Amino acid sequence: MEDEDPGEAVGAETHRRATVLRPLVEAYLAGAGSLESGVRDAVWELGVSRATVWRWIRRLAEDGGRTSALAARKRGRRSGTTVISGDVEALIEGHLRRYYLRRERASLARVVKEIGIACRERGLQSPTRRTVQRRLDALDERELMRAREGAKAARQRFGPVPGRKKVGLPLDVVQVDHTLADIILVDSFERKPIGRPWVTLTIDIATRMVTGYYVSLEAPSRLSVALCLTRAVAPKAALLADLGSSAPWPAQGRPRSIHVDNGSDFRSRTFQGACAEWGIDLTYRPLARPHFGGHIERLIGTMMGAVHLLPGTTDSSIAAKGSYDAEAKAAMSLSEFDSWFVLEICRYNNSVHSSLGCTPVAKWEALAAEMSSDIPFDMEAFRVSFLPSEKRQIRRDGIHLFDIRYWSDALAGRAARKDGKVVVRYDPRDISAIWVELDGGRCVEARYRNLEIPPVSLWEYREAMRMARTLGKTGSNELVLAELIRQQRQIEGESRILTKAERRSRERRSASKEPTPADSTSEGLRPVDTGDTSRPLFKVERW
């Protein structure tokens, strides 16, 4: 079960500051002229001094635009810690809901007085107006408006506006969705059917450009979303060079807003926290209103129309497939379909779009000059921030996750300290490494403490542990794992006739071990000694 993501600890005021300052940061990095006019506006809007605004601008620029860069950096009580008693907290919450969250709309001053009277009657210390205001600010704005002004007012204020979505510039709005591809694939060993793959796609609304994709045998998850978004923001030159293609695919950069459906993978705290951390607005599709995701739905239909021309297609329905034997005709492996899909995306991006009157590539290039420069950020840190996470204590022998111990020398100073749990992120495709989030959002990579364990996927590890329990094996999980994985792979290498499920499992393990195009984006991002020791080059550190 996933614990609360640290991104939720960043307050609403910090998010507001980051939203106001990001345009100034972009102009600051682009070397624009005088920013004094914008700085004066920010001083007035944020209610702070000019020096503070400039300090925040530089801090955002240095930290890649992360919202958490503006979080308070001071010693003492942790943010969110309360010093008033639980009885007073209960009185505040009860009075807010009884007197403030109602259609009669009592003033905050009146509610504060009522709370003070109730506290004095019980011999408790009365909270200040500021304390009550903070509790009120923590409430959901939409729910607050619904309680005080009615559901209609809340819907008009916060609900999405129906109708045609007009977007001005690339990356203003990007839609994301998954689909089960209409094709049966074969394993790369014996070329026998293993089932249908899942595809995750992103499309830029302003240019209709496909910005990213991810193909996997796994069902949609936070991981597929993370890898698709990482590929979407990264340059595509290396990916196309590996395929020997010179087709233009200029899409790259961090989206300002992402529109998604209400799937659990998009509702996870990790995904929401990562979007907030990187300054990406997250908008959910209203229930029973599929036209809000019309662009991505039409793109999926177009891409599946191309898939229907491949051998092994299941077509869009049983009636459309007719007597065609998809399993018998299946011929493409996962890696082959992945490569074909990249080229099909390039074909789509370089074909005239009916609603644009030009190709998505031409539209992107025409609007690119109007785009403000993006704040530079670390691609590896971006990918890691979207990975699944858990909270763990740093023990004397390292981090314990999945009953496996992980260690990094960077954890030595934190071992066995009672500082609370830290956020640990992991990639289910390869659990030989994890990322431990320390102070200031700094992530440290930790690896197996027991070097005898081979790199495995989380799925493969759980299968091995299930087999160990079946065989009654006892002892350290790590030693049992190492023995079982080696035995499984030896048997797998000697086997000749496998069932479909076993072939699919082997293909899944093979895919998890091969470097994906999304992973290749981190090439060239390794730290280089520039002589500048003012700040770390990247937030993700390897030891």
Protein backbone atom coordinates (compact mmCIF):
# COMPACT_ATOMS: atom_id res chain seq x y z
CA MET A 1 0.00 0.00 0.00
CA GLU A 2 1.36 3.40 -0.95
CA ASP A 3 2.12 5.95 1.73
CA GLU A 4 1.58 9.65 1.48
CA ASP A 5 3.88 11.33 -1.02
CA PRO A 6 6.06 14.18 0.29
CA GLY A 7 4.79 16.42 -2.50
CA GLU A 8 1.58 16.77 -0.49
CA ALA A 9 3.55 18.42 2.30
CA VAL A 10 4.13 21.51 0.12
CA GLY A 11 1.45 24.01 1.08
CA ALA A 12 -1.05 25.82 -1.13
CA GLU A 13 0.79 29.12 -0.63
CA THR A 14 4.01 27.60 -1.95
CA HIS A 15 2.19 26.36 -5.04
CA ARG A 16 0.76 29.85 -5.55
CA ARG A 17 4.20 31.43 -5.30
CA ALA A 18 5.64 28.98 -7.83
CA THR A 19 2.79 29.63 -10.27
CA VAL A 20 3.33 33.41 -10.06
CA LEU A 21 7.12 33.21 -10.39
CA ARG A 22 7.62 30.55 -13.11
CA PRO A 23 7.07 33.00 -16.03
CA LEU A 24 9.68 35.32 -14.47
CA VAL A 25 12.09 32.37 -14.08
CA GLU A 26 11.70 31.47 -17.75
CA ALA A 27 12.36 35.08 -18.79
CA TYR A 28 15.30 35.23 -16.37
CA LEU A 29 16.91 32.13 -17.89
CA ALA A 30 16.18 33.28 -21.44
CA GLY A 31 18.17 36.46 -20.75
CA ALA A 32 15.20 38.71 -21.39
CA GLY A 33 15.39 42.45 -20.75
CA SER A 34 14.43 44.14 -17.54
CA LEU A 35 12.21 42.06 -15.30
CA GLU A 36 11.52 44.91 -12.91
CA SER A 37 7.93 45.36 -14.03
CA GLY A 38 7.18 41.66 -13.49
CA VAL A 39 9.06 41.69 -10.18
CA ARG A 40 7.02 44.65 -8.93
CA ASP A 41 3.80 42.82 -9.85
CA ALA A 42 5.03 39.72 -8.00
CA VAL A 43 5.94 41.83 -4.94
CA TRP A 44 2.41 43.23 -4.87
CA GLU A 45 0.69 39.89 -5.53
CA LEU A 46 2.76 37.80 -3.08
CA GLY A 47 3.06 40.47 -0.39
CA VAL A 48 6.80 40.08 0.10
CA SER A 49 9.86 42.26 -0.48
CA ARG A 50 11.65 42.71 -3.80
CA ALA A 51 14.72 40.93 -2.40
CA THR A 52 12.60 37.92 -1.44
CA VAL A 53 11.07 37.72 -4.95
CA TRP A 54 14.53 37.72 -6.53
CA ARG A 55 15.77 35.11 -4.05
CA TRP A 56 12.82 32.85 -4.95
CA ILE A 57 13.39 33.37 -8.70
CA ARG A 58 17.01 32.25 -8.38
CA ARG A 59 16.05 29.32 -6.16
CA LEU A 60 13.45 28.11 -8.70
CA ALA A 61 15.95 28.49 -11.54
CA GLU A 62 18.59 26.49 -9.69
CA ASP A 63 16.20 23.69 -8.79
CA GLY A 64 14.67 23.09 -12.22
CA GLY A 65 11.38 24.83 -11.45
CA ARG A 66 10.40 22.47 -8.63
CA THR A 67 7.65 23.78 -6.39
CA SER A 68 9.45 22.40 -3.33
CA ALA A 69 12.33 24.82 -4.00
CA LEU A 70 10.17 27.50 -2.38
CA ALA A 71 9.34 25.47 0.70
CA ALA A 72 10.42 27.06 3.96
CA ARG A 73 14.02 26.30 4.86
CA LYS A 74 14.29 26.89 8.57
CA ARG A 75 15.16 24.98 11.69
CA GLY A 76 12.72 24.14 14.38
CA ARG A 77 9.31 22.58 14.25
CA ARG A 78 8.48 20.70 11.07
CA SER A 79 5.91 22.15 8.75
CA GLY A 80 2.46 20.84 9.56
CA THR A 81 3.26 20.16 13.22
CA THR A 82 0.51 21.38 15.53
CA VAL A 83 1.16 22.65 19.04
CA ILE A 84 -2.43 23.12 20.18
CA SER A 85 -4.24 20.33 21.97
CA GLY A 86 -6.41 17.76 20.27
CA ASP A 87 -9.47 19.14 22.11
CA VAL A 88 -8.94 22.58 20.59
CA GLU A 89 -8.38 21.04 17.16
CA ALA A 90 -11.69 19.19 17.49
CA LEU A 91 -13.47 22.39 18.51
CA ILE A 92 -12.05 24.27 15.52
CA GLU A 93 -13.08 21.56 13.09
CA GLY A 94 -16.55 21.19 14.61
CA HIS A 95 -17.30 24.93 14.63
CA LEU A 96 -16.04 25.41 11.07
CA ARG A 97 -18.32 22.69 9.83
CA ARG A 98 -21.29 23.77 12.00
CA TYR A 99 -21.15 27.54 11.45
CA TYR A 100 -18.89 28.30 8.50
CA LEU A 101 -19.55 25.49 5.98
CA ARG A 102 -23.23 26.27 5.51
CA ARG A 103 -25.40 28.34 3.22
CA GLU A 104 -25.98 31.07 5.85
CA ARG A 105 -22.28 31.92 5.40
CA ALA A 106 -21.27 33.23 8.79
CA SER A 107 -18.14 35.43 8.77
CA LEU A 108 -14.81 34.01 9.87
CA ALA A 109 -14.62 36.60 12.68
CA ARG A 110 -17.91 35.34 14.10
CA VAL A 111 -16.73 31.72 13.97
CA VAL A 112 -13.45 32.65 15.70
CA LYS A 113 -15.44 34.29 18.51
CA GLU A 114 -17.65 31.20 18.90
CA ILE A 115 -14.55 28.99 19.09
CA GLY A 116 -13.04 31.29 21.74
CA ILE A 117 -16.21 31.15 23.86
CA ALA A 118 -16.32 27.33 23.62
CA CYS A 119 -12.63 27.08 24.61
CA ARG A 120 -13.05 29.33 27.66
CA GLU A 121 -16.05 27.34 28.81
CA ARG A 122 -13.88 24.20 28.78
CA GLY A 123 -10.84 25.83 30.33
CA LEU A 124 -8.83 25.60 27.10
CA GLN A 125 -6.56 28.20 25.52
CA SER A 126 -8.33 29.97 22.65
CA PRO A 127 -6.68 29.69 19.19
CA THR A 128 -5.78 32.84 17.26
CA ARG A 129 -7.61 33.93 14.12
CA ARG A 130 -4.51 33.00 12.11
CA THR A 131 -4.64 29.43 13.45
CA VAL A 132 -8.30 29.09 12.47
CA GLN A 133 -7.56 30.62 9.06
CA ARG A 134 -4.85 28.02 8.44
CA ARG A 135 -7.27 25.20 9.19
CA LEU A 136 -9.73 26.79 6.78
CA ASP A 137 -7.09 27.17 4.07
CA ALA A 138 -6.35 23.45 4.32
CA LEU A 139 -9.92 22.59 3.24
CA ASP A 140 -10.70 21.78 -0.37
CA GLU A 141 -11.76 24.99 -2.14
CA ARG A 142 -14.40 23.29 -4.24
CA GLU A 143 -16.01 21.61 -1.23
CA LEU A 144 -15.88 24.89 0.67
CA MET A 145 -17.70 26.75 -2.11
CA ARG A 146 -20.22 23.94 -2.48
CA ALA A 147 -21.05 24.17 1.24
CA ARG A 148 -21.33 27.99 1.33
CA GLU A 149 -22.65 28.85 -2.12
CA GLY A 150 -24.15 25.65 -3.47
CA ALA A 151 -23.21 22.92 -5.93
CA LYS A 152 -24.05 25.04 -8.98
CA ALA A 153 -21.66 27.82 -7.98
CA ALA A 154 -18.91 25.30 -7.26
CA ARG A 155 -19.45 23.61 -10.61
CA GLN A 156 -19.30 26.92 -12.45
CA ARG A 157 -16.15 27.97 -10.62
CA PHE A 158 -14.18 24.73 -10.68
CA GLY A 159 -15.87 22.51 -13.27
CA PRO A 160 -14.37 22.15 -16.75
CA VAL A 161 -16.02 24.23 -19.46
CA PRO A 162 -17.66 22.07 -22.16
CA GLY A 163 -17.15 22.76 -25.81
CA ARG A 164 -14.22 22.83 -28.17
CA LYS A 165 -10.87 23.00 -26.43
CA LYS A 166 -8.83 25.91 -27.76
CA VAL A 167 -5.15 25.89 -26.89
CA GLY A 168 -2.67 28.47 -28.02
CA LEU A 169 0.84 27.03 -27.73
CA PRO A 170 2.54 23.62 -27.73
CA LEU A 171 2.61 21.90 -24.31
CA ASP A 172 -0.15 24.13 -22.92
CA VAL A 173 -2.35 21.01 -22.68
CA VAL A 174 -1.30 17.38 -23.17
CA GLN A 175 -3.75 14.47 -22.96
CA VAL A 176 -2.68 10.99 -21.76
CA ASP A 177 -4.47 7.65 -22.04
CA HIS A 178 -3.94 3.88 -22.39
CA THR A 179 -5.35 1.27 -24.75
CA LEU A 180 -5.03 -2.47 -25.31
CA ALA A 181 -3.56 -2.74 -28.80
CA ASP A 182 -5.56 -4.70 -31.40
CA ILE A 183 -2.77 -7.17 -32.16
CA ILE A 184 -1.38 -10.44 -30.82
CA LEU A 185 2.39 -10.57 -30.38
CA VAL A 186 4.78 -13.51 -30.32
CA ASP A 187 7.74 -14.18 -28.04
CA SER A 188 11.17 -13.44 -29.46
CA PHE A 189 12.47 -16.97 -28.73
CA GLU A 190 10.06 -19.42 -30.34
CA ARG A 191 7.82 -16.94 -32.20
CA LYS A 192 4.67 -18.27 -30.57
CA PRO A 193 1.67 -16.12 -29.46
CA ILE A 194 1.86 -14.44 -26.03
CA GLY A 195 -1.09 -12.01 -26.13
CA ARG A 196 -1.88 -8.33 -26.71
CA PRO A 197 0.28 -5.39 -25.55
CA TRP A 198 -0.80 -2.20 -23.80
CA VAL A 199 0.02 1.21 -25.31
CA THR A 200 0.20 4.53 -23.43
CA LEU A 201 0.09 7.70 -25.57
CA THR A 202 0.38 11.45 -25.06
CA ILE A 203 -0.83 14.08 -27.55
CA ASP A 204 -0.31 17.84 -27.57
CA ILE A 205 -3.64 19.58 -28.19
CA ALA A 206 -2.33 22.73 -29.88
CA THR A 207 -0.37 20.90 -32.58
CA ARG A 208 -1.94 17.38 -32.50
CA MET A 209 1.64 16.13 -32.13
CA VAL A 210 2.15 12.73 -30.49
CA THR A 211 4.72 13.68 -27.85
CA GLY A 212 5.37 10.31 -26.20
CA TYR A 213 4.40 6.64 -25.97
CA TYR A 214 5.12 3.45 -24.05
CA VAL A 215 4.46 -0.17 -25.10
CA SER A 216 4.36 -2.99 -22.54
CA LEU A 217 2.86 -6.38 -21.78
CA GLU A 218 1.92 -5.05 -18.35
CA ALA A 219 -1.49 -3.54 -17.60
CA PRO A 220 -1.58 0.28 -17.21
CA SER A 221 0.11 1.46 -14.02
CA ARG A 222 2.00 4.36 -12.49
CA LEU A 223 5.15 2.96 -14.10
CA SER A 224 3.76 3.08 -17.64
CA VAL A 225 2.62 6.66 -17.05
CA ALA A 226 6.07 7.59 -15.69
CA LEU A 227 7.95 6.09 -18.64
CA CYS A 228 5.55 7.58 -21.20
CA LEU A 229 5.87 11.07 -19.72
CA THR A 230 9.65 10.76 -19.48
CA ARG A 231 9.80 9.87 -23.14
CA ALA A 232 7.40 12.71 -23.96
CA VAL A 233 9.56 15.43 -22.38
CA ALA A 234 12.87 14.05 -23.70
CA PRO A 235 14.45 14.79 -27.11
CA LYS A 236 13.72 12.05 -29.66
CA ALA A 237 16.95 12.23 -31.69
CA ALA A 238 18.66 9.26 -30.00
CA LEU A 239 15.50 7.13 -30.23
CA LEU A 240 15.14 7.78 -33.98
CA ALA A 241 18.87 7.33 -34.60
CA ASP A 242 18.69 3.82 -33.10
CA LEU A 243 15.99 3.00 -35.67
CA GLY A 244 17.94 4.57 -38.52
CA SER A 245 15.20 7.13 -39.12
CA SER A 246 15.70 10.79 -40.05
CA ALA A 247 12.02 11.72 -39.70
CA PRO A 248 11.52 14.94 -37.72
CA TRP A 249 9.95 14.58 -34.26
CA PRO A 250 10.61 17.90 -32.50
CA ALA A 251 8.29 17.28 -29.52
CA GLN A 252 10.11 17.77 -26.22
CA GLY A 253 9.68 19.75 -23.03
CA ARG A 254 7.65 19.73 -19.86
CA PRO A 255 3.87 20.12 -20.34
CA ARG A 256 2.14 22.90 -18.45
CA SER A 257 -1.09 20.94 -18.07
CA ILE A 258 -2.02 17.25 -18.36
CA HIS A 259 -5.57 16.02 -18.97
CA VAL A 260 -6.27 12.43 -17.87
CA ASP A 261 -9.19 10.14 -17.11
CA ASN A 262 -10.15 8.92 -13.64
CA GLY A 263 -8.09 5.71 -13.63
CA SER A 264 -6.36 4.66 -10.41
CA ASP A 265 -2.92 5.13 -11.99
CA PHE A 266 -3.69 8.83 -12.54
CA ARG A 267 -5.30 9.23 -9.11
CA SER A 268 -2.29 7.91 -7.18
CA ARG A 269 -0.63 10.23 -4.68
CA THR A 270 2.73 9.66 -6.35
CA PHE A 271 1.45 10.89 -9.72
CA GLN A 272 -0.37 13.88 -8.24
CA GLY A 273 2.62 14.81 -6.06
CA ALA A 274 5.10 14.54 -8.95
CA CYS A 275 2.94 16.75 -11.19
CA ALA A 276 2.72 19.36 -8.42
CA GLU A 277 6.48 19.13 -7.84
CA TRP A 278 7.29 19.89 -11.47
CA GLY A 279 4.66 22.61 -11.91
CA ILE A 280 2.30 20.54 -14.08
CA ASP A 281 -1.40 21.27 -13.68
CA LEU A 282 -3.46 18.07 -13.48
CA THR A 283 -7.03 18.03 -14.86
CA TYR A 284 -9.34 15.01 -14.62
CA ARG A 285 -11.96 14.19 -17.21
CA PRO A 286 -15.48 14.68 -15.82
CA LEU A 287 -17.39 11.45 -15.35
CA ALA A 288 -19.80 10.53 -18.16
CA ARG A 289 -18.30 13.22 -20.42
CA PRO A 290 -16.05 11.33 -22.86
CA HIS A 291 -15.84 14.27 -25.28
CA PHE A 292 -13.44 15.94 -22.84
CA GLY A 293 -10.83 13.39 -23.95
CA GLY A 294 -11.76 13.53 -27.62
CA HIS A 295 -8.28 14.26 -28.98
CA ILE A 296 -6.55 11.31 -27.37
CA GLU A 297 -9.50 9.02 -28.15
CA ARG A 298 -9.35 9.96 -31.85
CA LEU A 299 -5.59 9.46 -31.86
CA ILE A 300 -5.98 5.98 -30.38
CA GLY A 301 -8.56 5.16 -33.04
CA THR A 302 -6.21 6.35 -35.78
CA MET A 303 -3.25 4.39 -34.44
CA MET A 304 -5.30 1.21 -34.00
CA GLY A 305 -6.53 1.62 -37.59
CA ALA A 306 -2.90 1.32 -38.67
CA VAL A 307 -2.39 -1.67 -36.35
CA HIS A 308 -5.28 -3.45 -38.10
CA LEU A 309 -3.06 -3.77 -41.17
CA LEU A 310 -0.44 -5.83 -39.31
CA PRO A 311 -0.28 -9.64 -39.16
CA GLY A 312 -1.94 -10.97 -36.03
CA THR A 313 -4.44 -8.12 -35.69
CA THR A 314 -7.56 -8.78 -33.66
CA ASP A 315 -9.34 -5.88 -35.39
CA SER A 316 -11.71 -3.67 -33.42
CA SER A 317 -14.39 -6.33 -32.88
CA ILE A 318 -15.19 -10.00 -33.39
CA ALA A 319 -17.52 -9.10 -36.25
CA ALA A 320 -14.82 -7.06 -37.99
CA LYS A 321 -12.25 -9.84 -37.54
CA GLY A 322 -14.53 -12.45 -39.07
CA SER A 323 -12.81 -15.79 -39.65
CA TYR A 324 -9.30 -14.32 -39.48
CA ASP A 325 -7.12 -16.43 -37.11
CA ALA A 326 -5.12 -13.76 -35.29
CA GLU A 327 -3.00 -16.19 -33.24
CA ALA A 328 -2.04 -18.25 -36.26
CA LYS A 329 -1.04 -15.12 -38.21
CA ALA A 330 0.81 -13.40 -35.33
CA ALA A 331 4.38 -12.59 -36.32
CA MET A 332 5.69 -9.53 -34.42
CA SER A 333 7.55 -9.59 -31.10
CA LEU A 334 7.24 -6.87 -28.47
CA SER A 335 10.48 -5.16 -29.50
CA GLU A 336 9.53 -5.31 -33.19
CA PHE A 337 6.10 -3.85 -32.50
CA ASP A 338 7.71 -1.12 -30.39
CA SER A 339 10.00 -0.12 -33.27
CA TRP A 340 7.13 -0.23 -35.77
CA PHE A 341 5.00 1.91 -33.48
CA VAL A 342 7.69 4.63 -33.27
CA LEU A 343 7.77 4.86 -37.06
CA GLU A 344 3.97 4.92 -37.23
CA ILE A 345 3.97 7.86 -34.79
CA CYS A 346 6.46 9.68 -37.03
CA ARG A 347 4.22 8.95 -40.00
CA TYR A 348 1.24 10.43 -38.16
CA ASN A 349 3.21 13.50 -37.03
CA ASN A 350 4.35 14.18 -40.61
CA SER A 351 0.95 13.67 -42.28
CA VAL A 352 -1.49 16.54 -42.94
CA HIS A 353 -4.04 16.78 -40.14
CA SER A 354 -7.56 17.63 -41.30
CA SER A 355 -8.29 20.12 -38.51
CA LEU A 356 -4.92 21.88 -38.85
CA GLY A 357 -4.54 22.04 -42.61
CA CYS A 358 -0.88 21.09 -42.14
CA THR A 359 1.21 18.43 -40.44
CA PRO A 360 1.62 18.38 -36.65
CA VAL A 361 5.37 18.85 -37.15
CA ALA A 362 4.80 21.98 -39.27
CA LYS A 363 2.34 23.35 -36.70
CA TRP A 364 4.80 22.72 -33.85
CA GLU A 365 7.63 24.45 -35.70
CA ALA A 366 5.40 27.41 -36.59
CA LEU A 367 4.43 27.94 -32.95
CA ALA A 368 7.80 27.06 -31.42
CA ALA A 369 9.09 30.61 -31.77
CA GLU A 370 6.27 31.86 -29.50
CA MET A 371 7.04 29.34 -26.75
CA SER A 372 8.81 30.60 -23.65
CA SER A 373 12.00 28.76 -22.79
CA ASP A 374 11.55 25.92 -20.31
CA ILE A 375 13.41 25.82 -17.02
CA PRO A 376 16.27 23.27 -17.38
CA PHE A 377 15.70 20.14 -15.31
CA ASP A 378 17.23 16.73 -14.72
CA MET A 379 15.53 14.04 -16.82
CA GLU A 380 16.51 11.25 -14.43
CA ALA A 381 15.07 13.13 -11.46
CA PHE A 382 11.87 13.72 -13.47
CA ARG A 383 11.51 9.99 -14.22
CA VAL A 384 12.25 8.90 -10.66
CA SER A 385 9.71 11.33 -9.17
CA PHE A 386 6.87 9.53 -11.01
CA LEU A 387 7.90 6.02 -9.91
CA PRO A 388 5.91 4.09 -7.26
CA SER A 389 6.94 4.92 -3.71
CA GLU A 390 6.81 3.60 -0.16
CA LYS A 391 7.97 5.02 3.18
CA ARG A 392 10.69 3.23 5.10
CA GLN A 393 12.96 3.75 8.10
CA ILE A 394 16.72 3.94 7.50
CA ARG A 395 18.05 1.12 9.67
CA ARG A 396 21.61 0.31 10.64
CA ASP A 397 21.76 -2.30 7.87
CA GLY A 398 20.09 -0.07 5.29
CA ILE A 399 16.61 0.20 3.78
CA HIS A 400 14.29 -2.83 3.97
CA LEU A 401 11.94 -3.09 0.99
CA PHE A 402 10.19 -6.27 -0.23
CA ASP A 403 12.17 -8.10 2.52
CA ILE A 404 15.38 -7.15 0.71
CA ARG A 405 18.06 -4.92 2.21
CA TYR A 406 19.48 -1.97 0.24
CA TRP A 407 22.48 0.16 1.10
CA SER A 408 24.34 3.27 0.01
CA ASP A 409 27.23 4.94 1.80
CA ALA A 410 25.22 8.17 1.63
CA LEU A 411 22.80 6.66 4.16
CA ALA A 412 25.45 6.07 6.82
CA GLY A 413 24.87 9.41 8.54
CA ARG A 414 21.12 8.79 8.77
CA ALA A 415 21.19 5.15 9.90
CA ALA A 416 19.25 4.33 13.08
CA ARG A 417 18.33 8.00 13.67
CA LYS A 418 14.81 8.72 14.82
CA ASP A 419 14.08 11.25 12.09
CA GLY A 420 11.02 9.43 10.82
CA LYS A 421 10.57 7.49 7.64
CA VAL A 422 11.90 8.54 4.24
CA VAL A 423 10.30 8.15 0.81
CA VAL A 424 11.71 5.26 -1.20
CA ARG A 425 11.00 5.01 -4.95
CA TYR A 426 11.48 1.88 -7.05
CA ASP A 427 11.17 0.68 -10.64
CA PRO A 428 9.18 -2.60 -10.70
CA ARG A 429 11.05 -3.68 -13.86
CA ASP A 430 14.32 -3.91 -11.93
CA ILE A 431 14.36 -3.88 -8.13
CA SER A 432 18.14 -4.16 -7.85
CA ALA A 433 18.20 -0.39 -7.22
CA ILE A 434 15.97 2.01 -5.32
CA TRP A 435 16.03 5.78 -4.83
CA VAL A 436 15.91 7.23 -1.30
CA GLU A 437 14.65 10.80 -0.96
CA LEU A 438 16.60 12.78 1.61
CA ASP A 439 16.49 16.42 2.72
CA GLY A 440 15.68 19.05 0.11
CA GLY A 441 14.34 16.57 -2.42
CA ARG A 442 17.81 15.06 -2.96
CA CYS A 443 17.55 11.43 -4.13
CA VAL A 444 20.27 8.86 -3.51
CA GLU A 445 20.46 5.57 -5.37
CA ALA A 446 20.84 2.49 -3.16
CA ARG A 447 21.48 -1.07 -4.34
CA TYR A 448 21.27 -4.63 -3.03
CA ARG A 449 23.33 -5.03 0.15
CA ASN A 450 23.76 -8.70 -0.78
CA LEU A 451 25.59 -8.67 -4.12
CA GLU A 452 24.77 -12.35 -4.76
CA ILE A 453 21.21 -11.45 -5.77
CA PRO A 454 20.82 -10.99 -9.53
CA PRO A 455 18.84 -8.03 -10.92
CA VAL A 456 15.17 -9.08 -11.15
CA SER A 457 11.78 -7.53 -11.74
CA LEU A 458 9.31 -7.23 -8.88
CA TRP A 459 7.06 -9.71 -10.68
CA GLU A 460 9.92 -12.23 -11.01
CA TYR A 461 10.87 -11.78 -7.34
CA ARG A 462 7.34 -12.44 -6.13
CA GLU A 463 7.08 -15.54 -8.30
CA ALA A 464 10.32 -16.83 -6.79
CA MET A 465 9.09 -16.18 -3.24
CA ARG A 466 5.81 -17.95 -4.01
CA MET A 467 7.76 -20.96 -5.26
CA ALA A 468 9.95 -20.88 -2.15
CA ARG A 469 6.90 -21.10 0.09
CA THR A 470 5.52 -23.95 -2.03
CA LEU A 471 8.80 -25.89 -1.74
CA GLY A 472 9.05 -25.15 2.00
CA LYS A 473 12.43 -23.44 1.67
CA THR A 474 13.58 -21.61 4.78
CA GLY A 475 16.29 -19.12 5.53
CA SER A 476 17.06 -15.58 4.45
CA ASN A 477 14.79 -14.27 1.70
CA GLU A 478 17.81 -12.89 -0.09
CA LEU A 479 19.71 -16.20 -0.21
CA VAL A 480 16.58 -18.15 -1.17
CA LEU A 481 15.89 -15.60 -3.90
CA ALA A 482 19.37 -15.84 -5.37
CA GLU A 483 19.19 -19.65 -5.49
CA LEU A 484 15.69 -19.80 -6.97
CA ILE A 485 16.30 -17.18 -9.65
CA ARG A 486 19.39 -19.03 -10.88
CA GLN A 487 17.51 -22.34 -10.94
CA GLN A 488 14.55 -20.80 -12.78
CA ARG A 489 16.76 -19.27 -15.44
CA GLN A 490 18.67 -22.49 -15.95
CA ILE A 491 15.44 -24.41 -16.46
CA GLU A 492 14.15 -21.68 -18.74
CA GLY A 493 17.27 -21.84 -20.89
CA GLU A 494 16.97 -25.61 -21.27
CA SER A 495 13.23 -25.66 -22.00
CA ARG A 496 12.01 -26.07 -25.56
CA ILE A 497 8.24 -26.30 -25.35
CA LEU A 498 6.58 -23.61 -23.23
CA THR A 499 2.99 -22.66 -22.59
CA LYS A 500 1.69 -19.26 -23.71
CA ALA A 501 1.75 -17.93 -20.12
CA GLU A 502 5.37 -19.05 -19.65
CA ARG A 503 6.42 -17.51 -22.98
CA ARG A 504 4.69 -14.28 -22.01
CA SER A 505 6.47 -14.30 -18.64
CA ARG A 506 9.84 -14.87 -20.29
CA GLU A 507 9.22 -12.08 -22.79
CA ARG A 508 8.19 -9.78 -19.93
CA ARG A 509 11.42 -10.53 -18.06
CA SER A 510 13.47 -10.03 -21.22
CA ALA A 511 11.81 -6.67 -21.88
CA SER A 512 12.47 -5.52 -18.31
CA LYS A 513 16.20 -6.26 -18.64
CA GLU A 514 16.72 -4.50 -21.99
CA PRO A 515 17.33 -0.74 -21.86
CA THR A 516 14.23 1.02 -23.16
CA PRO A 517 14.28 4.18 -25.30
CA ALA A 518 12.89 6.02 -22.27
CA ASP A 519 15.95 5.00 -20.25
CA SER A 520 18.34 6.12 -22.97
CA THR A 521 17.31 9.74 -22.41
CA SER A 522 19.55 9.88 -19.37
CA GLU A 523 22.66 9.34 -21.51
CA GLY A 524 24.79 12.41 -21.42
CA LEU A 525 23.21 13.54 -18.17
CA ARG A 526 25.91 12.06 -15.98
CA PRO A 527 27.65 14.56 -13.68
CA VAL A 528 30.64 16.31 -15.24
CA ASP A 529 33.32 18.15 -13.28
CA THR A 530 32.83 21.75 -14.36
CA GLY A 531 34.70 23.30 -11.47
CA ASP A 532 31.48 24.94 -10.28
CA THR A 533 30.70 23.81 -6.75
CA SER A 534 27.83 26.22 -6.15
CA ARG A 535 25.16 23.52 -6.43
CA PRO A 536 24.83 19.86 -7.49
CA LEU A 537 24.25 19.33 -11.19
CA PHE A 538 21.47 16.83 -10.59
CA LYS A 539 19.07 15.92 -7.82
CA VAL A 540 19.45 12.15 -8.35
CA GLU A 541 22.79 10.98 -6.99
CA ARG A 542 24.56 7.66 -7.55
CA TRP A 543 27.01 6.19 -5.04
